[in-house]
Amino acid sequence: MGGTERTAAHRRAELKPEGDGDGVFHLKFGNGNVATIDGNKLAIDFDKAGQKRMQDSFVERG
């Protein structure tokens, strides 16, 4: 493993626990904002795809 790889735990730590609208990016759904966080599961309001629920490892902070 390279030193630049980030784990899901690191990404989770970067998201605010309140889920207060942090911007994220998903390869298929594009840009969105975190609505809620439940452990490693996020509810995300995507700009074009509506709200989706997924694990934090499927998105990048952006």
PDB file of N, CA and C in Angstrom:
ATOM      1  N   MET A   1       0.835  -1.188   0.000  1.00  0.00           N
ATOM      2  CA  MET A   1       0.000   0.000   0.000  1.00  0.00           C
ATOM      3  C   MET A   1       0.873   1.241   0.000  1.00  0.00           C
ATOM      4  N   GLY A   2       0.471   2.224  -0.779  1.00  0.00           N
ATOM      5  CA  GLY A   2       1.206   3.472  -0.816  1.00  0.00           C
ATOM      6  C   GLY A   2       0.809   4.380   0.328  1.00  0.00           C
ATOM      7  N   GLY A   3       1.640   5.330   0.641  1.00  0.00           N
ATOM      8  CA  GLY A   3       1.375   6.238   1.741  1.00  0.00           C
ATOM      9  C   GLY A   3       0.286   7.253   1.449  1.00  0.00           C
ATOM     10  N   THR A   4      -0.128   7.374   0.191  1.00  0.00           N
ATOM     11  CA  THR A   4      -1.130   8.374  -0.157  1.00  0.00           C
ATOM     12  C   THR A   4      -2.552   7.840  -0.122  1.00  0.00           C
ATOM     13  N   GLU A   5      -2.729   6.526   0.059  1.00  0.00           N
ATOM     14  CA  GLU A   5      -4.070   5.953   0.085  1.00  0.00           C
ATOM     15  C   GLU A   5      -4.754   6.309   1.398  1.00  0.00           C
ATOM     16  N   ARG A   6      -6.057   6.644   1.288  1.00  0.00           N
ATOM     17  CA  ARG A   6      -6.808   6.975   2.485  1.00  0.00           C
ATOM     18  C   ARG A   6      -7.839   5.887   2.741  1.00  0.00           C
ATOM     19  N   THR A   7      -8.023   5.563   3.993  1.00  0.00           N
ATOM     20  CA  THR A   7      -8.994   4.538   4.355  1.00  0.00           C
ATOM     21  C   THR A   7     -10.369   5.159   4.524  1.00  0.00           C
ATOM     22  N   ALA A   8     -11.389   4.320   4.579  1.00  0.00           N
ATOM     23  CA  ALA A   8     -12.754   4.796   4.825  1.00  0.00           C
ATOM     24  C   ALA A   8     -12.819   5.520   6.164  1.00  0.00           C
ATOM     25  N   ALA A   9     -12.058   5.063   7.146  1.00  0.00           N
ATOM     26  CA  ALA A   9     -12.060   5.724   8.460  1.00  0.00           C
ATOM     27  C   ALA A   9     -11.528   7.145   8.347  1.00  0.00           C
ATOM     28  N   HIS A  10     -10.508   7.355   7.523  1.00  0.00           N
ATOM     29  CA  HIS A  10      -9.982   8.706   7.328  1.00  0.00           C
ATOM     30  C   HIS A  10     -11.019   9.599   6.666  1.00  0.00           C
ATOM     31  N   ARG A  11     -11.720   9.059   5.643  1.00  0.00           N
ATOM     32  CA  ARG A  11     -12.753   9.850   4.974  1.00  0.00           C
ATOM     33  C   ARG A  11     -13.883  10.174   5.938  1.00  0.00           C
ATOM     34  N   ARG A  12     -14.262   9.193   6.789  1.00  0.00           N
ATOM     35  CA  ARG A  12     -15.321   9.420   7.766  1.00  0.00           C
ATOM     36  C   ARG A  12     -14.911  10.516   8.737  1.00  0.00           C
ATOM     37  N   ALA A  13     -13.659  10.511   9.143  1.00  0.00           N
ATOM     38  CA  ALA A  13     -13.184  11.521  10.085  1.00  0.00           C
ATOM     39  C   ALA A  13     -13.228  12.911   9.473  1.00  0.00           C
ATOM     40  N   GLU A  14     -13.093  13.004   8.146  1.00  0.00           N
ATOM     41  CA  GLU A  14     -13.120  14.305   7.490  1.00  0.00           C
ATOM     42  C   GLU A  14     -14.541  14.852   7.350  1.00  0.00           C
ATOM     43  N   LEU A  15     -15.552  13.978   7.340  1.00  0.00           N
ATOM     44  CA  LEU A  15     -16.933  14.430   7.245  1.00  0.00           C
ATOM     45  C   LEU A  15     -17.393  14.885   8.619  1.00  0.00           C
ATOM     46  N   LYS A  16     -18.131  15.947   8.677  1.00  0.00           N
ATOM     47  CA  LYS A  16     -18.625  16.433   9.960  1.00  0.00           C
ATOM     48  C   LYS A  16     -19.694  15.477  10.479  1.00  0.00           C
ATOM     49  N   PRO A  17     -19.651  15.112  11.749  1.00  0.00           N
ATOM     50  CA  PRO A  17     -20.591  14.140  12.262  1.00  0.00           C
ATOM     51  C   PRO A  17     -22.042  14.583  12.203  1.00  0.00           C
ATOM     52  N   GLU A  18     -22.302  15.877  12.122  1.00  0.00           N
ATOM     53  CA  GLU A  18     -23.679  16.356  12.046  1.00  0.00           C
ATOM     54  C   GLU A  18     -24.274  16.117  10.668  1.00  0.00           C
ATOM     55  N   GLY A  19     -23.449  15.881   9.661  1.00  0.00           N
ATOM     56  CA  GLY A  19     -23.945  15.697   8.302  1.00  0.00           C
ATOM     57  C   GLY A  19     -24.577  16.969   7.781  1.00  0.00           C
ATOM     58  N   ASP A  20     -23.947  18.076   8.042  1.00  0.00           N
ATOM     59  CA  ASP A  20     -24.561  19.383   7.794  1.00  0.00           C
ATOM     60  C   ASP A  20     -24.298  19.966   6.419  1.00  0.00           C
ATOM     61  N   GLY A  21     -24.317  19.126   5.406  1.00  0.00           N
ATOM     62  CA  GLY A  21     -24.186  19.662   4.062  1.00  0.00           C
ATOM     63  C   GLY A  21     -22.802  19.612   3.465  1.00  0.00           C
ATOM     64  N   ASP A  22     -21.905  18.838   4.048  1.00  0.00           N
ATOM     65  CA  ASP A  22     -20.570  18.688   3.457  1.00  0.00           C
ATOM     66  C   ASP A  22     -20.697  18.205   2.023  1.00  0.00           C
ATOM     67  N   GLY A  23     -19.932  18.795   1.136  1.00  0.00           N
ATOM     68  CA  GLY A  23     -19.960  18.406  -0.265  1.00  0.00           C
ATOM     69  C   GLY A  23     -19.196  17.116  -0.504  1.00  0.00           C
ATOM     70  N   VAL A  24     -19.768  16.240  -1.340  1.00  0.00           N
ATOM     71  CA  VAL A  24     -19.126  14.985  -1.717  1.00  0.00           C
ATOM     72  C   VAL A  24     -19.290  14.771  -3.219  1.00  0.00           C
ATOM     73  N   PHE A  25     -18.520  13.810  -3.756  1.00  0.00           N
ATOM     74  CA  PHE A  25     -18.596  13.479  -5.175  1.00  0.00           C
ATOM     75  C   PHE A  25     -18.683  11.974  -5.328  1.00  0.00           C
ATOM     76  N   HIS A  26     -19.575  11.515  -6.203  1.00  0.00           N
ATOM     77  CA  HIS A  26     -19.744  10.098  -6.533  1.00  0.00           C
ATOM     78  C   HIS A  26     -19.570   9.954  -8.043  1.00  0.00           C
ATOM     79  N   LEU A  27     -18.883   8.909  -8.482  1.00  0.00           N
ATOM     80  CA  LEU A  27     -18.597   8.746  -9.911  1.00  0.00           C
ATOM     81  C   LEU A  27     -19.851   8.700 -10.773  1.00  0.00           C
ATOM     82  N   LYS A  28     -20.923   8.052 -10.316  1.00  0.00           N
ATOM     83  CA  LYS A  28     -22.142   7.945 -11.111  1.00  0.00           C
ATOM     84  C   LYS A  28     -23.107   9.100 -10.876  1.00  0.00           C
ATOM     85  N   PHE A  29     -23.290   9.506  -9.614  1.00  0.00           N
ATOM     86  CA  PHE A  29     -24.310  10.496  -9.271  1.00  0.00           C
ATOM     87  C   PHE A  29     -23.809  11.932  -9.244  1.00  0.00           C
ATOM     88  N   GLY A  30     -22.491  12.130  -9.288  1.00  0.00           N
ATOM     89  CA  GLY A  30     -21.935  13.480  -9.332  1.00  0.00           C
ATOM     90  C   GLY A  30     -21.837  14.135  -7.969  1.00  0.00           C
ATOM     91  N   ASN A  31     -22.033  15.451  -7.946  1.00  0.00           N
ATOM     92  CA  ASN A  31     -21.890  16.231  -6.722  1.00  0.00           C
ATOM     93  C   ASN A  31     -23.138  16.149  -5.863  1.00  0.00           C
ATOM     94  N   GLY A  32     -22.918  16.182  -4.550  1.00  0.00           N
ATOM     95  CA  GLY A  32     -24.028  16.169  -3.613  1.00  0.00           C
ATOM     96  C   GLY A  32     -23.599  16.685  -2.260  1.00  0.00           C
ATOM     97  N   ASN A  33     -24.559  16.774  -1.361  1.00  0.00           N
ATOM     98  CA  ASN A  33     -24.301  17.232   0.005  1.00  0.00           C
ATOM     99  C   ASN A  33     -24.813  16.198   0.995  1.00  0.00           C
ATOM    100  N   VAL A  34     -24.012  15.932   2.026  1.00  0.00           N
ATOM    101  CA  VAL A  34     -24.386  14.965   3.042  1.00  0.00           C
ATOM    102  C   VAL A  34     -25.578  15.502   3.829  1.00  0.00           C
ATOM    103  N   ALA A  35     -26.634  14.686   3.908  1.00  0.00           N
ATOM    104  CA  ALA A  35     -27.824  15.055   4.685  1.00  0.00           C
ATOM    105  C   ALA A  35     -27.728  14.476   6.093  1.00  0.00           C
ATOM    106  N   THR A  36     -27.390  13.176   6.201  1.00  0.00           N
ATOM    107  CA  THR A  36     -27.238  12.531   7.511  1.00  0.00           C
ATOM    108  C   THR A  36     -26.122  11.506   7.455  1.00  0.00           C
ATOM    109  N   ILE A  37     -25.576  11.213   8.627  1.00  0.00           N
ATOM    110  CA  ILE A  37     -24.543  10.195   8.777  1.00  0.00           C
ATOM    111  C   ILE A  37     -24.996   9.231   9.856  1.00  0.00           C
ATOM    112  N   ASP A  38     -24.947   7.924   9.549  1.00  0.00           N
ATOM    113  CA  ASP A  38     -25.284   6.891  10.516  1.00  0.00           C
ATOM    114  C   ASP A  38     -24.172   5.856  10.457  1.00  0.00           C
ATOM    115  N   GLY A  39     -23.180   6.004  11.313  1.00  0.00           N
ATOM    116  CA  GLY A  39     -22.001   5.136  11.256  1.00  0.00           C
ATOM    117  C   GLY A  39     -21.244   5.405   9.981  1.00  0.00           C
ATOM    118  N   ASN A  40     -21.119   4.388   9.118  1.00  0.00           N
ATOM    119  CA  ASN A  40     -20.426   4.587   7.846  1.00  0.00           C
ATOM    120  C   ASN A  40     -21.419   4.756   6.698  1.00  0.00           C
ATOM    121  N   LYS A  41     -22.711   4.893   7.023  1.00  0.00           N
ATOM    122  CA  LYS A  41     -23.742   5.064   5.995  1.00  0.00           C
ATOM    123  C   LYS A  41     -24.157   6.526   5.915  1.00  0.00           C
ATOM    124  N   LEU A  42     -24.233   7.016   4.693  1.00  0.00           N
ATOM    125  CA  LEU A  42     -24.577   8.409   4.457  1.00  0.00           C
ATOM    126  C   LEU A  42     -25.867   8.512   3.672  1.00  0.00           C
ATOM    127  N   ALA A  43     -26.649   9.518   3.970  1.00  0.00           N
ATOM    128  CA  ALA A  43     -27.753   9.922   3.097  1.00  0.00           C
ATOM    129  C   ALA A  43     -27.250  11.189   2.426  1.00  0.00           C
ATOM    130  N   ILE A  44     -27.243  11.187   1.099  1.00  0.00           N
ATOM    131  CA  ILE A  44     -26.658  12.289   0.341  1.00  0.00           C
ATOM    132  C   ILE A  44     -27.695  12.847  -0.612  1.00  0.00           C
ATOM    133  N   ASP A  45     -27.844  14.165  -0.618  1.00  0.00           N
ATOM    134  CA  ASP A  45     -28.716  14.847  -1.568  1.00  0.00           C
ATOM    135  C   ASP A  45     -27.869  15.214  -2.784  1.00  0.00           C
ATOM    136  N   PHE A  46     -28.019  14.442  -3.870  1.00  0.00           N
ATOM    137  CA  PHE A  46     -27.267  14.713  -5.083  1.00  0.00           C
ATOM    138  C   PHE A  46     -27.977  15.768  -5.912  1.00  0.00           C
ATOM    139  N   ASP A  47     -27.193  16.598  -6.592  1.00  0.00           N
ATOM    140  CA  ASP A  47     -27.742  17.703  -7.378  1.00  0.00           C
ATOM    141  C   ASP A  47     -28.732  17.233  -8.428  1.00  0.00           C
ATOM    142  N   LYS A  48     -28.428  16.152  -9.130  1.00  0.00           N
ATOM    143  CA  LYS A  48     -29.281  15.701 -10.233  1.00  0.00           C
ATOM    144  C   LYS A  48     -29.983  14.375  -9.977  1.00  0.00           C
ATOM    145  N   ALA A  49     -29.498  13.577  -9.038  1.00  0.00           N
ATOM    146  CA  ALA A  49     -30.040  12.228  -8.832  1.00  0.00           C
ATOM    147  C   ALA A  49     -30.945  12.114  -7.610  1.00  0.00           C
ATOM    148  N   GLY A  50     -31.148  13.204  -6.883  1.00  0.00           N
ATOM    149  CA  GLY A  50     -31.971  13.139  -5.679  1.00  0.00           C
ATOM    150  C   GLY A  50     -31.211  12.531  -4.515  1.00  0.00           C
ATOM    151  N   GLN A  51     -31.938  12.130  -3.469  1.00  0.00           N
ATOM    152  CA  GLN A  51     -31.283  11.583  -2.291  1.00  0.00           C
ATOM    153  C   GLN A  51     -30.994  10.098  -2.467  1.00  0.00           C
ATOM    154  N   LYS A  52     -29.783   9.713  -2.097  1.00  0.00           N
ATOM    155  CA  LYS A  52     -29.339   8.320  -2.140  1.00  0.00           C
ATOM    156  C   LYS A  52     -28.684   7.996  -0.805  1.00  0.00           C
ATOM    157  N   ARG A  53     -28.755   6.713  -0.426  1.00  0.00           N
ATOM    158  CA  ARG A  53     -28.085   6.232   0.781  1.00  0.00           C
ATOM    159  C   ARG A  53     -26.977   5.279   0.342  1.00  0.00           C
ATOM    160  N   MET A  54     -25.795   5.446   0.944  1.00  0.00           N
ATOM    161  CA  MET A  54     -24.664   4.595   0.579  1.00  0.00           C
ATOM    162  C   MET A  54     -23.592   4.647   1.646  1.00  0.00           C
ATOM    163  N   GLN A  55     -22.654   3.720   1.545  1.00  0.00           N
ATOM    164  CA  GLN A  55     -21.512   3.705   2.447  1.00  0.00           C
ATOM    165  C   GLN A  55     -20.563   4.841   2.088  1.00  0.00           C
ATOM    166  N   ASP A  56     -19.888   5.356   3.105  1.00  0.00           N
ATOM    167  CA  ASP A  56     -18.977   6.482   2.897  1.00  0.00           C
ATOM    168  C   ASP A  56     -17.832   6.159   1.944  1.00  0.00           C
ATOM    169  N   SER A  57     -17.488   4.895   1.794  1.00  0.00           N
ATOM    170  CA  SER A  57     -16.366   4.529   0.922  1.00  0.00           C
ATOM    171  C   SER A  57     -16.672   4.725  -0.558  1.00  0.00           C
ATOM    172  N   PHE A  58     -17.940   4.954  -0.901  1.00  0.00           N
ATOM    173  CA  PHE A  58     -18.323   5.155  -2.307  1.00  0.00           C
ATOM    174  C   PHE A  58     -18.239   6.603  -2.763  1.00  0.00           C
ATOM    175  N   VAL A  59     -17.934   7.518  -1.858  1.00  0.00           N
ATOM    176  CA  VAL A  59     -17.854   8.939  -2.229  1.00  0.00           C
ATOM    177  C   VAL A  59     -16.531   9.524  -1.789  1.00  0.00           C
ATOM    178  N   GLU A  60     -16.176  10.640  -2.421  1.00  0.00           N
ATOM    179  CA  GLU A  60     -15.004  11.406  -2.041  1.00  0.00           C
ATOM    180  C   GLU A  60     -15.469  12.763  -1.561  1.00  0.00           C
ATOM    181  N   ARG A  61     -14.779  13.304  -0.578  1.00  0.00           N
ATOM    182  CA  ARG A  61     -15.127  14.644  -0.141  1.00  0.00           C
ATOM    183  C   ARG A  61     -14.755  15.626  -1.238  1.00  0.00           C
ATOM    184  N   GLY A  62     -15.648  16.525  -1.517  1.00  0.00           N
ATOM    185  CA  GLY A  62     -15.344  17.447  -2.590  1.00  0.00           C
ATOM    186  C   GLY A  62     -16.296  18.547  -2.594  1.00  0.00           C
TER     187      GLY A  62
END
